[in-house]
All heavy atoms as atom14 arrays in JSON, in Angstrom:
{
  "sequence": "GAADKRRAIEEAFYVPLFSAISQLDRTATATEVRAIVTESRELFHPIF",
  "atom14_mask": [
    [1, 1, 1, 1, 0, 0, 0, 0, 0, 0, 0, 0, 0, 0],
    [1, 1, 1, 1, 1, 0, 0, 0, 0, 0, 0, 0, 0, 0],
    [1, 1, 1, 1, 1, 0, 0, 0, 0, 0, 0, 0, 0, 0],
    [1, 1, 1, 1, 1, 1, 1, 1, 0, 0, 0, 0, 0, 0],
    [1, 1, 1, 1, 1, 1, 1, 1, 1, 0, 0, 0, 0, 0],
    [1, 1, 1, 1, 1, 1, 1, 1, 1, 1, 1, 0, 0, 0],
    [1, 1, 1, 1, 1, 1, 1, 1, 1, 1, 1, 0, 0, 0],
    [1, 1, 1, 1, 1, 0, 0, 0, 0, 0, 0, 0, 0, 0],
    [1, 1, 1, 1, 1, 1, 1, 1, 0, 0, 0, 0, 0, 0],
    [1, 1, 1, 1, 1, 1, 1, 1, 1, 0, 0, 0, 0, 0],
    [1, 1, 1, 1, 1, 1, 1, 1, 1, 0, 0, 0, 0, 0],
    [1, 1, 1, 1, 1, 0, 0, 0, 0, 0, 0, 0, 0, 0],
    [1, 1, 1, 1, 1, 1, 1, 1, 1, 1, 1, 0, 0, 0],
    [1, 1, 1, 1, 1, 1, 1, 1, 1, 1, 1, 1, 0, 0],
    [1, 1, 1, 1, 1, 1, 1, 0, 0, 0, 0, 0, 0, 0],
    [1, 1, 1, 1, 1, 1, 1, 0, 0, 0, 0, 0, 0, 0],
    [1, 1, 1, 1, 1, 1, 1, 1, 0, 0, 0, 0, 0, 0],
    [1, 1, 1, 1, 1, 1, 1, 1, 1, 1, 1, 0, 0, 0],
    [1, 1, 1, 1, 1, 1, 0, 0, 0, 0, 0, 0, 0, 0],
    [1, 1, 1, 1, 1, 0, 0, 0, 0, 0, 0, 0, 0, 0],
    [1, 1, 1, 1, 1, 1, 1, 1, 0, 0, 0, 0, 0, 0],
    [1, 1, 1, 1, 1, 1, 0, 0, 0, 0, 0, 0, 0, 0],
    [1, 1, 1, 1, 1, 1, 1, 1, 1, 0, 0, 0, 0, 0],
    [1, 1, 1, 1, 1, 1, 1, 1, 0, 0, 0, 0, 0, 0],
    [1, 1, 1, 1, 1, 1, 1, 1, 0, 0, 0, 0, 0, 0],
    [1, 1, 1, 1, 1, 1, 1, 1, 1, 1, 1, 0, 0, 0],
    [1, 1, 1, 1, 1, 1, 1, 0, 0, 0, 0, 0, 0, 0],
    [1, 1, 1, 1, 1, 0, 0, 0, 0, 0, 0, 0, 0, 0],
    [1, 1, 1, 1, 1, 1, 1, 0, 0, 0, 0, 0, 0, 0],
    [1, 1, 1, 1, 1, 0, 0, 0, 0, 0, 0, 0, 0, 0],
    [1, 1, 1, 1, 1, 1, 1, 0, 0, 0, 0, 0, 0, 0],
    [1, 1, 1, 1, 1, 1, 1, 1, 1, 0, 0, 0, 0, 0],
    [1, 1, 1, 1, 1, 1, 1, 0, 0, 0, 0, 0, 0, 0],
    [1, 1, 1, 1, 1, 1, 1, 1, 1, 1, 1, 0, 0, 0],
    [1, 1, 1, 1, 1, 0, 0, 0, 0, 0, 0, 0, 0, 0],
    [1, 1, 1, 1, 1, 1, 1, 1, 0, 0, 0, 0, 0, 0],
    [1, 1, 1, 1, 1, 1, 1, 0, 0, 0, 0, 0, 0, 0],
    [1, 1, 1, 1, 1, 1, 1, 0, 0, 0, 0, 0, 0, 0],
    [1, 1, 1, 1, 1, 1, 1, 1, 1, 0, 0, 0, 0, 0],
    [1, 1, 1, 1, 1, 1, 0, 0, 0, 0, 0, 0, 0, 0],
    [1, 1, 1, 1, 1, 1, 1, 1, 1, 1, 1, 0, 0, 0],
    [1, 1, 1, 1, 1, 1, 1, 1, 1, 0, 0, 0, 0, 0],
    [1, 1, 1, 1, 1, 1, 1, 1, 0, 0, 0, 0, 0, 0],
    [1, 1, 1, 1, 1, 1, 1, 1, 1, 1, 1, 0, 0, 0],
    [1, 1, 1, 1, 1, 1, 1, 1, 1, 1, 0, 0, 0, 0],
    [1, 1, 1, 1, 1, 1, 1, 0, 0, 0, 0, 0, 0, 0],
    [1, 1, 1, 1, 1, 1, 1, 1, 0, 0, 0, 0, 0, 0],
    [1, 1, 1, 1, 1, 1, 1, 1, 1, 1, 1, 0, 0, 0]
  ],
  "atom14_positions": [
    [[14.54, -63.04, -65.48], [13.76, -63.26, -64.26], [12.28, -63.29, -64.55], [11.54, -64.13, -64.01], [0.0, 0.0, 0.0], [0.0, 0.0, 0.0], [0.0, 0.0, 0.0], [0.0, 0.0, 0.0], [0.0, 0.0, 0.0], [0.0, 0.0, 0.0], [0.0, 0.0, 0.0], [0.0, 0.0, 0.0], [0.0, 0.0, 0.0], [0.0, 0.0, 0.0]],
    [[11.81, -62.38, -65.41], [10.39, -62.35, -65.75], [9.98, -63.63, -66.49], [8.89, -64.17, -66.27], [10.08, -61.13, -66.61], [0.0, 0.0, 0.0], [0.0, 0.0, 0.0], [0.0, 0.0, 0.0], [0.0, 0.0, 0.0], [0.0, 0.0, 0.0], [0.0, 0.0, 0.0], [0.0, 0.0, 0.0], [0.0, 0.0, 0.0], [0.0, 0.0, 0.0]],
    [[10.87, -64.14, -67.35], [10.57, -65.37, -68.08], [10.41, -66.55, -67.13], [9.53, -67.4, -67.31], [11.68, -65.65, -69.1], [0.0, 0.0, 0.0], [0.0, 0.0, 0.0], [0.0, 0.0, 0.0], [0.0, 0.0, 0.0], [0.0, 0.0, 0.0], [0.0, 0.0, 0.0], [0.0, 0.0, 0.0], [0.0, 0.0, 0.0], [0.0, 0.0, 0.0]],
    [[11.24, -66.61, -66.11], [11.13, -67.68, -65.12], [9.78, -67.61, -64.39], [9.13, -68.64, -64.15], [12.26, -67.6, -64.1], [13.62, -67.93, -64.71], [13.64, -68.58, -65.77], [14.64, -67.52, -64.13], [0.0, 0.0, 0.0], [0.0, 0.0, 0.0], [0.0, 0.0, 0.0], [0.0, 0.0, 0.0], [0.0, 0.0, 0.0], [0.0, 0.0, 0.0]],
    [[9.39, -66.41, -64.04], [8.1, -66.24, -63.34], [6.94, -66.64, -64.25], [5.98, -67.28, -63.79], [7.93, -64.78, -62.89], [9.06, -64.25, -61.99], [9.25, -65.09, -60.75], [10.38, -64.55, -59.89], [10.69, -65.44, -58.75], [0.0, 0.0, 0.0], [0.0, 0.0, 0.0], [0.0, 0.0, 0.0], [0.0, 0.0, 0.0], [0.0, 0.0, 0.0]],
    [[7.02, -66.28, -65.53], [5.94, -66.61, -66.45], [5.8, -68.12, -66.62], [4.69, -68.65, -66.69], [6.19, -65.96, -67.81], [6.05, -64.44, -67.81], [5.96, -63.9, -69.22], [5.92, -62.45, -69.21], [6.97, -61.67, -69.41], [8.17, -62.22, -69.66], [6.85, -60.37, -69.39], [0.0, 0.0, 0.0], [0.0, 0.0, 0.0], [0.0, 0.0, 0.0]],
    [[6.92, -68.82, -66.7], [6.87, -70.27, -66.82], [6.19, -70.89, -65.6], [5.36, -71.82, -65.73], [8.28, -70.84, -67.0], [8.8, -70.78, -68.42], [10.04, -71.64, -68.59], [11.16, -71.14, -67.79], [12.04, -70.24, -68.2], [11.93, -69.74, -69.43], [13.03, -69.84, -67.42], [0.0, 0.0, 0.0], [0.0, 0.0, 0.0], [0.0, 0.0, 0.0]],
    [[6.5, -70.41, -64.42], [5.89, -70.94, -63.2], [4.38, -70.67, -63.2], [3.58, -71.53, -62.8], [6.55, -70.31, -61.97], [0.0, 0.0, 0.0], [0.0, 0.0, 0.0], [0.0, 0.0, 0.0], [0.0, 0.0, 0.0], [0.0, 0.0, 0.0], [0.0, 0.0, 0.0], [0.0, 0.0, 0.0], [0.0, 0.0, 0.0], [0.0, 0.0, 0.0]],
    [[3.99, -69.48, -63.64], [2.56, -69.14, -63.7], [1.84, -70.05, -64.68], [0.76, -70.6, -64.38], [2.38, -67.66, -64.1], [2.94, -66.74, -63.01], [0.91, -67.35, -64.36], [3.06, -65.29, -63.43], [0.0, 0.0, 0.0], [0.0, 0.0, 0.0], [0.0, 0.0, 0.0], [0.0, 0.0, 0.0], [0.0, 0.0, 0.0], [0.0, 0.0, 0.0]],
    [[2.41, -70.24, -65.85], [1.76, -71.05, -66.88], [1.67, -72.51, -66.45], [0.67, -73.18, -66.75], [2.53, -70.91, -68.2], [2.38, -69.52, -68.81], [3.21, -69.33, -70.05], [4.08, -70.2, -70.32], [3.01, -68.33, -70.76], [0.0, 0.0, 0.0], [0.0, 0.0, 0.0], [0.0, 0.0, 0.0], [0.0, 0.0, 0.0], [0.0, 0.0, 0.0]],
    [[2.67, -73.01, -65.75], [2.59, -74.38, -65.27], [1.48, -74.53, -64.22], [0.8, -75.56, -64.17], [3.93, -74.8, -64.67], [5.02, -75.01, -65.72], [6.37, -75.3, -65.1], [6.45, -75.32, -63.84], [7.36, -75.48, -65.85], [0.0, 0.0, 0.0], [0.0, 0.0, 0.0], [0.0, 0.0, 0.0], [0.0, 0.0, 0.0], [0.0, 0.0, 0.0]],
    [[1.29, -73.53, -63.39], [0.23, -73.59, -62.38], [-1.15, -73.68, -63.03], [-2.07, -74.31, -62.49], [0.3, -72.37, -61.46], [0.0, 0.0, 0.0], [0.0, 0.0, 0.0], [0.0, 0.0, 0.0], [0.0, 0.0, 0.0], [0.0, 0.0, 0.0], [0.0, 0.0, 0.0], [0.0, 0.0, 0.0], [0.0, 0.0, 0.0], [0.0, 0.0, 0.0]],
    [[-1.31, -73.06, -64.2], [-2.59, -73.05, -64.91], [-2.65, -74.1, -66.03], [-3.54, -74.02, -66.88], [-2.85, -71.65, -65.51], [-3.28, -70.63, -64.5], [-2.36, -69.77, -63.93], [-4.6, -70.53, -64.11], [-2.75, -68.81, -63.0], [-5.01, -69.58, -63.18], [-4.08, -68.71, -62.62], [0.0, 0.0, 0.0], [0.0, 0.0, 0.0], [0.0, 0.0, 0.0]],
    [[-1.72, -75.05, -66.04], [-1.72, -76.13, -67.03], [-1.64, -75.62, -68.47], [-2.14, -76.26, -69.41], [-2.97, -77.02, -66.88], [-3.06, -77.69, -65.54], [-3.7, -77.06, -64.46], [-2.5, -78.94, -65.32], [-3.78, -77.68, -63.22], [-2.58, -79.55, -64.08], [-3.22, -78.91, -63.04], [-3.3, -79.52, -61.8], [0.0, 0.0, 0.0], [0.0, 0.0, 0.0]],
    [[-1.01, -74.47, -68.66], [-0.9, -73.91, -70.01], [-0.1, -74.83, -70.94], [-0.5, -75.03, -72.09], [-0.28, -72.5, -69.95], [0.08, -71.99, -71.35], [-1.27, -71.53, -69.3], [0.0, 0.0, 0.0], [0.0, 0.0, 0.0], [0.0, 0.0, 0.0], [0.0, 0.0, 0.0], [0.0, 0.0, 0.0], [0.0, 0.0, 0.0], [0.0, 0.0, 0.0]],
    [[1.04, -75.41, -70.5], [1.75, -76.31, -71.41], [0.88, -77.46, -71.92], [0.97, -77.85, -73.08], [2.92, -76.82, -70.55], [3.16, -75.74, -69.55], [1.79, -75.22, -69.23], [0.0, 0.0, 0.0], [0.0, 0.0, 0.0], [0.0, 0.0, 0.0], [0.0, 0.0, 0.0], [0.0, 0.0, 0.0], [0.0, 0.0, 0.0], [0.0, 0.0, 0.0]],
    [[0.03, -78.01, -71.03], [-0.85, -79.12, -71.42], [-1.83, -78.68, -72.51], [-1.91, -79.29, -73.57], [-1.6, -79.63, -70.2], [-2.76, -80.61, -70.47], [-2.25, -81.88, -71.11], [-3.51, -80.91, -69.18], [0.0, 0.0, 0.0], [0.0, 0.0, 0.0], [0.0, 0.0, 0.0], [0.0, 0.0, 0.0], [0.0, 0.0, 0.0], [0.0, 0.0, 0.0]],
    [[-2.57, -77.59, -72.26], [-3.6, -77.18, -73.21], [-3.01, -76.51, -74.44], [-3.62, -76.56, -75.52], [-4.6, -76.26, -72.52], [-5.54, -77.0, -71.61], [-5.37, -76.98, -70.23], [-6.59, -77.74, -72.12], [-6.22, -77.67, -69.39], [-7.45, -78.43, -71.28], [-7.27, -78.4, -69.92], [0.0, 0.0, 0.0], [0.0, 0.0, 0.0], [0.0, 0.0, 0.0]],
    [[-1.84, -75.91, -74.32], [-1.18, -75.34, -75.51], [-0.75, -76.45, -76.44], [-0.89, -76.34, -77.67], [0.02, -74.49, -75.1], [-0.39, -73.34, -74.4], [0.0, 0.0, 0.0], [0.0, 0.0, 0.0], [0.0, 0.0, 0.0], [0.0, 0.0, 0.0], [0.0, 0.0, 0.0], [0.0, 0.0, 0.0], [0.0, 0.0, 0.0], [0.0, 0.0, 0.0]],
    [[-0.23, -77.55, -75.88], [0.17, -78.69, -76.71], [-1.05, -79.3, -77.4], [-1.0, -79.66, -78.58], [0.89, -79.72, -75.87], [0.0, 0.0, 0.0], [0.0, 0.0, 0.0], [0.0, 0.0, 0.0], [0.0, 0.0, 0.0], [0.0, 0.0, 0.0], [0.0, 0.0, 0.0], [0.0, 0.0, 0.0], [0.0, 0.0, 0.0], [0.0, 0.0, 0.0]],
    [[-2.15, -79.43, -76.67], [-3.36, -80.01, -77.26], [-3.92, -79.1, -78.34], [-4.4, -79.56, -79.37], [-4.42, -80.25, -76.15], [-3.92, -81.32, -75.18], [-5.74, -80.68, -76.76], [-4.84, -81.55, -74.0], [0.0, 0.0, 0.0], [0.0, 0.0, 0.0], [0.0, 0.0, 0.0], [0.0, 0.0, 0.0], [0.0, 0.0, 0.0], [0.0, 0.0, 0.0]],
    [[-3.83, -77.78, -78.13], [-4.38, -76.83, -79.11], [-3.65, -76.88, -80.43], [-4.17, -76.44, -81.45], [-4.34, -75.4, -78.55], [-3.01, -74.96, -78.41], [0.0, 0.0, 0.0], [0.0, 0.0, 0.0], [0.0, 0.0, 0.0], [0.0, 0.0, 0.0], [0.0, 0.0, 0.0], [0.0, 0.0, 0.0], [0.0, 0.0, 0.0], [0.0, 0.0, 0.0]],
    [[-2.42, -77.42, -80.43], [-1.67, -77.55, -81.68], [-2.24, -78.66, -82.56], [-1.97, -78.71, -83.75], [-0.2, -77.84, -81.39], [0.48, -76.78, -80.53], [0.45, -75.39, -81.14], [0.68, -75.24, -82.33], [0.17, -74.4, -80.33], [0.0, 0.0, 0.0], [0.0, 0.0, 0.0], [0.0, 0.0, 0.0], [0.0, 0.0, 0.0], [0.0, 0.0, 0.0]],
    [[-3.02, -79.57, -81.94], [-3.62, -80.66, -82.7], [-4.81, -80.16, -83.49], [-5.44, -79.15, -83.16], [-4.08, -81.78, -81.77], [-2.99, -82.51, -80.98], [-3.64, -83.48, -80.01], [-2.05, -83.24, -81.91], [0.0, 0.0, 0.0], [0.0, 0.0, 0.0], [0.0, 0.0, 0.0], [0.0, 0.0, 0.0], [0.0, 0.0, 0.0], [0.0, 0.0, 0.0]],
    [[-5.15, -80.89, -84.53], [-6.36, -80.6, -85.28], [-7.57, -80.89, -84.41], [-7.53, -81.74, -83.52], [-6.4, -81.48, -86.54], [-7.57, -81.12, -87.45], [-7.45, -80.17, -88.22], [-8.6, -81.81, -87.34], [0.0, 0.0, 0.0], [0.0, 0.0, 0.0], [0.0, 0.0, 0.0], [0.0, 0.0, 0.0], [0.0, 0.0, 0.0], [0.0, 0.0, 0.0]],
    [[-8.68, -80.19, -84.66], [-9.88, -80.38, -83.84], [-10.42, -81.81, -83.95], [-11.2, -82.25, -83.12], [-10.97, -79.38, -84.24], [-10.66, -77.96, -83.83], [-11.86, -77.05, -84.09], [-13.0, -77.42, -83.29], [-13.19, -77.03, -82.02], [-12.3, -76.26, -81.44], [-14.26, -77.4, -81.37], [0.0, 0.0, 0.0], [0.0, 0.0, 0.0], [0.0, 0.0, 0.0]],
    [[-10.02, -82.53, -85.01], [-10.48, -83.9, -85.17], [-9.52, -84.9, -84.53], [-9.62, -86.1, -84.77], [-10.63, -84.24, -86.66], [-9.35, -84.06, -87.32], [-11.65, -83.33, -87.32], [0.0, 0.0, 0.0], [0.0, 0.0, 0.0], [0.0, 0.0, 0.0], [0.0, 0.0, 0.0], [0.0, 0.0, 0.0], [0.0, 0.0, 0.0], [0.0, 0.0, 0.0]],
    [[-8.57, -84.42, -83.73], [-7.6, -85.31, -83.1], [-8.31, -86.38, -82.28], [-9.35, -86.13, -81.66], [-6.65, -84.51, -82.22], [0.0, 0.0, 0.0], [0.0, 0.0, 0.0], [0.0, 0.0, 0.0], [0.0, 0.0, 0.0], [0.0, 0.0, 0.0], [0.0, 0.0, 0.0], [0.0, 0.0, 0.0], [0.0, 0.0, 0.0], [0.0, 0.0, 0.0]],
    [[-7.75, -87.56, -82.28], [-8.36, -88.68, -81.56], [-7.94, -88.65, -80.1], [-7.0, -87.97, -79.7], [-7.92, -90.02, -82.16], [-6.5, -90.16, -81.97], [-8.24, -90.08, -83.65], [0.0, 0.0, 0.0], [0.0, 0.0, 0.0], [0.0, 0.0, 0.0], [0.0, 0.0, 0.0], [0.0, 0.0, 0.0], [0.0, 0.0, 0.0], [0.0, 0.0, 0.0]],
    [[-8.67, -89.45, -79.29], [-8.32, -89.54, -77.87], [-6.92, -90.12, -77.68], [-6.22, -89.76, -76.75], [-9.35, -90.41, -77.15], [0.0, 0.0, 0.0], [0.0, 0.0, 0.0], [0.0, 0.0, 0.0], [0.0, 0.0, 0.0], [0.0, 0.0, 0.0], [0.0, 0.0, 0.0], [0.0, 0.0, 0.0], [0.0, 0.0, 0.0], [0.0, 0.0, 0.0]],
    [[-6.52, -91.01, -78.59], [-5.17, -91.59, -78.49], [-4.11, -90.51, -78.65], [-3.11, -90.47, -77.92], [-4.98, -92.69, -79.55], [-5.98, -93.69, -79.36], [-3.6, -93.31, -79.45], [0.0, 0.0, 0.0], [0.0, 0.0, 0.0], [0.0, 0.0, 0.0], [0.0, 0.0, 0.0], [0.0, 0.0, 0.0], [0.0, 0.0, 0.0], [0.0, 0.0, 0.0]],
    [[-4.32, -89.6, -79.63], [-3.36, -88.52, -79.85], [-3.3, -87.59, -78.64], [-2.24, -87.15, -78.21], [-3.72, -87.74, -81.11], [-3.56, -88.55, -82.38], [-4.1, -87.83, -83.6], [-5.21, -87.25, -83.51], [-3.43, -87.83, -84.63], [0.0, 0.0, 0.0], [0.0, 0.0, 0.0], [0.0, 0.0, 0.0], [0.0, 0.0, 0.0], [0.0, 0.0, 0.0]],
    [[-4.47, -87.28, -78.11], [-4.52, -86.41, -76.93], [-3.89, -87.11, -75.74], [-3.15, -86.52, -74.94], [-5.96, -85.98, -76.62], [-6.02, -85.16, -75.34], [-6.54, -85.17, -77.78], [0.0, 0.0, 0.0], [0.0, 0.0, 0.0], [0.0, 0.0, 0.0], [0.0, 0.0, 0.0], [0.0, 0.0, 0.0], [0.0, 0.0, 0.0], [0.0, 0.0, 0.0]],
    [[-4.18, -88.42, -75.59], [-3.66, -89.16, -74.44], [-2.13, -89.19, -74.45], [-1.48, -89.15, -73.4], [-4.22, -90.58, -74.43], [-3.82, -91.38, -73.21], [-4.69, -92.61, -73.01], [-4.58, -93.55, -74.09], [-5.58, -93.82, -74.96], [-6.71, -93.17, -74.86], [-5.41, -94.7, -75.92], [0.0, 0.0, 0.0], [0.0, 0.0, 0.0], [0.0, 0.0, 0.0]],
    [[-1.55, -89.22, -75.67], [-0.09, -89.22, -75.76], [0.5, -87.94, -75.19], [1.59, -87.93, -74.63], [0.34, -89.4, -77.22], [0.0, 0.0, 0.0], [0.0, 0.0, 0.0], [0.0, 0.0, 0.0], [0.0, 0.0, 0.0], [0.0, 0.0, 0.0], [0.0, 0.0, 0.0], [0.0, 0.0, 0.0], [0.0, 0.0, 0.0], [0.0, 0.0, 0.0]],
    [[-0.24, -86.83, -75.31], [0.23, -85.54, -74.81], [0.01, -85.41, -73.31], [0.85, -84.9, -72.57], [-0.47, -84.39, -75.56], [0.0, -84.36, -77.02], [-0.19, -83.05, -74.9], [-0.7, -83.32, -77.86], [0.0, 0.0, 0.0], [0.0, 0.0, 0.0], [0.0, 0.0, 0.0], [0.0, 0.0, 0.0], [0.0, 0.0, 0.0], [0.0, 0.0, 0.0]],
    [[-1.12, -85.9, -72.83], [-1.48, -85.66, -71.43], [-0.92, -86.71, -70.48], [-1.16, -86.64, -69.28], [-3.01, -85.57, -71.24], [-3.61, -84.52, -72.13], [-3.66, -86.93, -71.51], [0.0, 0.0, 0.0], [0.0, 0.0, 0.0], [0.0, 0.0, 0.0], [0.0, 0.0, 0.0], [0.0, 0.0, 0.0], [0.0, 0.0, 0.0], [0.0, 0.0, 0.0]],
    [[-0.2, -87.69, -71.02], [0.3, -88.78, -70.17], [1.06, -88.24, -68.96], [0.83, -88.64, -67.82], [1.2, -89.73, -70.97], [0.42, -90.33, -72.0], [1.77, -90.81, -70.07], [0.0, 0.0, 0.0], [0.0, 0.0, 0.0], [0.0, 0.0, 0.0], [0.0, 0.0, 0.0], [0.0, 0.0, 0.0], [0.0, 0.0, 0.0], [0.0, 0.0, 0.0]],
    [[1.99, -87.3, -69.21], [2.81, -86.79, -68.12], [2.0, -85.95, -67.14], [2.32, -85.89, -65.96], [3.96, -85.95, -68.68], [4.95, -86.77, -69.51], [6.11, -85.92, -69.99], [6.12, -84.71, -69.67], [6.99, -86.46, -70.68], [0.0, 0.0, 0.0], [0.0, 0.0, 0.0], [0.0, 0.0, 0.0], [0.0, 0.0, 0.0], [0.0, 0.0, 0.0]],
    [[0.94, -85.29, -67.63], [0.14, -84.42, -66.76], [-1.08, -85.13, -66.2], [-1.84, -84.54, -65.43], [-0.32, -83.18, -67.56], [0.78, -82.49, -68.08], [0.0, 0.0, 0.0], [0.0, 0.0, 0.0], [0.0, 0.0, 0.0], [0.0, 0.0, 0.0], [0.0, 0.0, 0.0], [0.0, 0.0, 0.0], [0.0, 0.0, 0.0], [0.0, 0.0, 0.0]],
    [[-1.28, -86.4, -66.57], [-2.49, -87.11, -66.17], [-2.66, -87.16, -64.66], [-3.74, -86.9, -64.13], [-2.45, -88.53, -66.74], [-3.71, -89.34, -66.46], [-3.61, -90.71, -67.15], [-4.85, -91.45, -66.96], [-5.08, -92.26, -65.94], [-4.15, -92.42, -65.02], [-6.22, -92.9, -65.83], [0.0, 0.0, 0.0], [0.0, 0.0, 0.0], [0.0, 0.0, 0.0]],
    [[-1.58, -87.49, -63.95], [-1.67, -87.6, -62.5], [-2.02, -86.27, -61.85], [-2.66, -86.22, -60.8], [-0.35, -88.14, -61.93], [-0.06, -89.59, -62.28], [0.4, -89.78, -63.71], [0.7, -88.74, -64.35], [0.45, -90.91, -64.2], [0.0, 0.0, 0.0], [0.0, 0.0, 0.0], [0.0, 0.0, 0.0], [0.0, 0.0, 0.0], [0.0, 0.0, 0.0]],
    [[-1.59, -85.17, -62.47], [-1.85, -83.84, -61.9], [-3.25, -83.36, -62.23], [-3.93, -82.77, -61.38], [-0.82, -82.84, -62.42], [0.65, -83.12, -62.07], [1.55, -82.09, -62.74], [0.85, -83.09, -60.57], [0.0, 0.0, 0.0], [0.0, 0.0, 0.0], [0.0, 0.0, 0.0], [0.0, 0.0, 0.0], [0.0, 0.0, 0.0], [0.0, 0.0, 0.0]],
    [[-3.72, -83.61, -63.46], [-5.0, -83.05, -63.89], [-6.17, -83.98, -63.61], [-7.32, -83.53, -63.56], [-4.95, -82.71, -65.39], [-6.05, -81.78, -65.82], [-5.98, -80.42, -65.54], [-7.18, -82.25, -66.49], [-6.99, -79.56, -65.92], [-8.19, -81.4, -66.87], [-8.09, -80.05, -66.59], [0.0, 0.0, 0.0], [0.0, 0.0, 0.0], [0.0, 0.0, 0.0]],
    [[-5.93, -85.26, -63.43], [-7.03, -86.2, -63.25], [-7.94, -85.84, -62.06], [-9.16, -85.86, -62.2], [-6.48, -87.62, -63.11], [-7.54, -88.67, -63.23], [-8.36, -89.01, -62.18], [-7.94, -89.44, -64.26], [-9.2, -89.95, -62.55], [-8.96, -90.23, -63.81], [0.0, 0.0, 0.0], [0.0, 0.0, 0.0], [0.0, 0.0, 0.0], [0.0, 0.0, 0.0]],
    [[-7.41, -85.53, -60.87], [-8.31, -85.17, -59.77], [-9.09, -83.89, -60.05], [-10.22, -83.74, -59.56], [-7.37, -85.01, -58.57], [-6.02, -84.81, -59.15], [-6.0, -85.58, -60.43], [0.0, 0.0, 0.0], [0.0, 0.0, 0.0], [0.0, 0.0, 0.0], [0.0, 0.0, 0.0], [0.0, 0.0, 0.0], [0.0, 0.0, 0.0], [0.0, 0.0, 0.0]],
    [[-8.5, -82.98, -60.82], [-9.22, -81.76, -61.18], [-10.4, -82.1, -62.07], [-11.51, -81.58, -61.88], [-8.26, -80.77, -61.9], [-6.99, -80.56, -61.08], [-8.97, -79.46, -62.17], [-7.21, -80.1, -59.67], [0.0, 0.0, 0.0], [0.0, 0.0, 0.0], [0.0, 0.0, 0.0], [0.0, 0.0, 0.0], [0.0, 0.0, 0.0], [0.0, 0.0, 0.0]],
    [[-10.18, -82.99, -63.03], [-11.26, -83.41, -63.92], [-12.34, -84.15, -63.15], [-13.54, -83.99, -63.42], [-10.68, -84.29, -65.03], [-11.71, -84.75, -66.02], [-12.2, -83.91, -67.0], [-12.22, -86.06, -65.95], [-13.16, -84.34, -67.91], [-13.16, -86.49, -66.84], [-13.64, -85.63, -67.83], [0.0, 0.0, 0.0], [0.0, 0.0, 0.0], [0.0, 0.0, 0.0]]
  ]
}
């Protein structure tokens, strides 16, 4: 039950998005980042 709650919290704060990006090297290109954020683009774009 606690694991389910944690997943919901992390999704609210876009943790999966930024955790995936953090796995990339700091020299990662915009194309590499764009491949990761494609699914979250519609959600994060208005925030940006």
